[in-house]
Protein backbone atom coordinates (compact mmCIF):
# COMPACT_ATOMS: atom_id res chain seq x y z
CA PRO A 1 0.00 0.00 0.00
CA GLY A 2 1.51 3.18 -1.29
CA GLY A 3 5.17 3.50 -0.59
CA SER A 4 5.98 0.64 1.67
CA GLY A 5 9.12 -0.05 -0.36
CA THR A 6 10.38 -3.46 -1.31
CA ALA A 7 11.38 -6.05 1.25
CA ALA A 8 15.08 -5.29 1.03
CA GLY A 9 14.56 -1.60 0.32
CA ALA A 10 15.78 -1.83 -3.27
CA ASN A 11 14.05 -1.69 -6.63
CA GLU A 12 13.70 -4.63 -8.95
CA GLY A 13 16.60 -4.83 -11.32
CA SER A 14 18.92 -2.82 -9.11
CA THR A 15 21.83 -4.09 -7.08
CA VAL A 16 20.63 -5.25 -3.70
CA HIS A 17 23.01 -4.10 -0.98
CA ALA A 18 23.86 -7.08 1.21
CA ASP A 19 23.88 -4.98 4.38
CA LEU A 20 20.33 -3.64 3.99
CA PHE A 21 17.81 -4.74 6.59
CA THR A 22 15.11 -7.21 5.61
CA ALA A 23 11.92 -8.11 7.46
CA ALA A 24 13.71 -11.21 8.78
CA ASP A 25 16.27 -8.98 10.53
CA LEU A 26 13.67 -7.29 12.72
CA ASN A 27 11.79 -8.98 15.51
CA LEU A 28 9.01 -6.58 16.46
CA GLY A 29 6.80 -7.61 19.32
CA ASP A 30 4.96 -5.42 21.78
CA ILE A 31 6.34 -1.90 22.09
CA ASP A 32 9.26 -1.75 24.51
CA PRO A 33 8.84 1.53 26.49
CA ALA A 34 12.52 1.67 27.53
CA LEU A 35 13.67 1.23 23.94
CA ALA A 36 11.16 3.85 22.76
CA GLU A 37 12.39 6.33 25.39
CA LYS A 38 15.96 5.94 24.14
CA GLY A 39 14.66 6.52 20.61
CA LYS A 40 12.90 9.70 21.76
CA ILE A 41 16.19 11.00 23.17
CA THR A 42 17.90 10.33 19.83
CA TYR A 43 15.00 12.03 18.02
CA ASP A 44 15.38 15.10 20.25
CA VAL A 45 19.11 15.34 19.52
CA LYS A 46 19.41 14.26 15.87
CA CYS A 47 16.03 14.23 14.14
CA GLN A 48 13.70 16.96 15.36
CA ALA A 49 15.30 19.73 13.29
CA CYS A 50 13.88 18.10 10.14
CA HIS A 51 11.06 15.80 11.32
CA THR A 52 7.94 16.61 13.38
CA LEU A 53 5.93 14.23 15.52
CA THR A 54 2.83 15.20 13.54
CA ASP A 55 2.05 14.39 9.92
CA LYS A 56 3.42 17.77 8.81
CA ARG A 57 6.62 17.97 6.79
CA VAL A 58 9.31 20.41 7.84
CA VAL A 59 12.37 19.40 5.82
CA GLY A 60 11.66 15.68 5.99
CA PRO A 61 8.29 14.01 6.47
CA GLY A 62 6.42 14.08 9.76
CA TRP A 63 6.56 10.87 11.75
CA GLN A 64 2.96 10.55 12.96
CA ALA A 65 1.70 7.09 11.94
CA ILE A 66 4.81 6.60 9.79
CA THR A 67 4.91 2.92 10.71
CA THR A 68 1.52 2.46 9.04
CA LYS A 69 2.90 3.98 5.83
CA ARG A 70 6.35 2.36 5.70
CA LYS A 71 7.63 -1.10 6.51
CA PRO A 72 9.94 -1.31 9.54
CA GLU A 73 12.86 -2.54 7.44
CA TRP A 74 12.39 0.40 5.04
CA ILE A 75 12.53 2.83 7.96
CA MET A 76 15.63 1.15 9.40
CA ASN A 77 17.34 1.27 6.01
CA MET A 78 16.56 4.98 5.60
CA ILE A 79 18.06 5.67 9.02
CA VAL A 80 21.19 3.53 8.72
CA HIS A 81 21.73 3.14 4.96
CA THR A 82 20.49 6.49 3.71
CA ASP A 83 22.83 6.72 0.71
CA ALA A 84 22.07 3.19 -0.51
CA MET A 85 18.35 3.83 -0.21
CA LEU A 86 18.56 7.11 -2.12
CA GLU A 87 20.53 5.32 -4.85
CA THR A 88 18.26 2.28 -5.19
CA ASP A 89 14.80 2.79 -3.70
CA ALA A 90 12.11 4.46 -5.80
CA GLU A 91 10.16 5.70 -2.77
CA ALA A 92 13.27 7.23 -1.19
CA GLN A 93 14.08 8.91 -4.50
CA LYS A 94 10.52 10.25 -4.73
CA MET A 95 10.79 11.69 -1.22
CA LEU A 96 14.07 13.38 -2.17
CA GLU A 97 12.34 15.00 -5.15
CA GLU A 98 9.51 16.22 -2.89
CA CYS A 99 11.67 17.39 0.01
CA LEU A 100 14.55 18.71 -2.13
CA VAL A 101 17.01 18.05 0.70
CA ARG A 102 19.03 14.86 1.00
CA MET A 103 18.70 13.23 4.40
CA PRO A 104 22.10 13.43 6.09
CA ASN A 105 23.72 10.34 7.50
CA GLN A 106 23.39 10.74 11.26
CA ASN A 107 25.83 7.88 11.89
CA LEU A 108 23.40 5.99 14.09
CA SER A 109 24.27 2.45 15.09
CA HIS A 110 21.88 -0.39 14.34
CA ASP A 111 20.83 -0.33 18.00
CA GLU A 112 20.18 3.42 17.94
CA ALA A 113 18.18 3.09 14.73
CA ARG A 114 16.14 0.30 16.30
CA GLN A 115 15.44 2.59 19.27
CA VAL A 116 14.24 5.34 16.93
CA LEU A 117 12.01 2.83 15.13
CA GLU A 118 10.56 1.79 18.48
CA PHE A 119 9.83 5.44 19.28
CA MET A 120 8.17 5.84 15.87
CA ARG A 121 5.92 2.88 16.68
CA THR A 122 4.48 4.87 19.61
CA LEU A 123 3.40 7.79 17.43
């Protein structure tokens, strides 16, 4: 449904980056409040300048209900593998055309990105 991206976050016919997250890499159960709180702290420090907690775009898209619009592995790949996603994923490329600003690599670890995803799941 509209923009969920492909399972590995790459388009058909393009080179699939071996380090991209897939659905099998993520084990999402019930929301972990402690993990989400750590993700909120990261959001406050590294993300809030460009992303709101509403559905309104500032520089990048708002995060409200983002996990109903994008697959978790797509979100993780945009956070950790921004350049690869912008090179290979049609939805990421479309967002770049709309936002006109390339998402900077925030150098988040896999664990930090997972915390941010957990925070997003609470929105």
